[in-house]
């Protein structure tokens, strides 16, 4: 489903793509929890990721999950998206290829959703809005009424990572 257009910064509207990253502890059950969103806007030279882990919510799916290992995997995704030279060869690829690598289907515990598209004039604002709407715990979205903005909500001890 395409995302709703994002008003704001002006300039021409551009196509963007996004996908969620989900923790799926048991492939047979198929249950998952959204832990990140990645947004790519080629014409704006933008690739951004917002992640959020909630150990209590993950424990409902599987109390034996290694949350530290999942956090390390998400950290690697963040470094690849940022083009961090210390993140290896994948991080040296161009933004579009990095987005493709991050969103490639996999059968690991951290799985991407299908890629969705939309149009926007501010991909960073779209990233923040999608993080609040699709990754933040339900009921913690201050922007649900359409107002709001700024940083996503923060749970005590569970900082948002950019």
Foldseek 3Di string as FASTA:
>chain_A
DADDEDDDDDDDKFKKKKKFKWFAPDVVVRDTATFKMWMDTVVVQDIAMKGWDDLVVVVVNPVPDPVVVVVVVVVLLRCLQVLPVVSDDSSVDRNVSSVCVVQPADDDRIGIDDMHMYIYDDRVQVRQVCCLVRHDPPPQRPCPVVDDGDHHDQDVPIGMDD
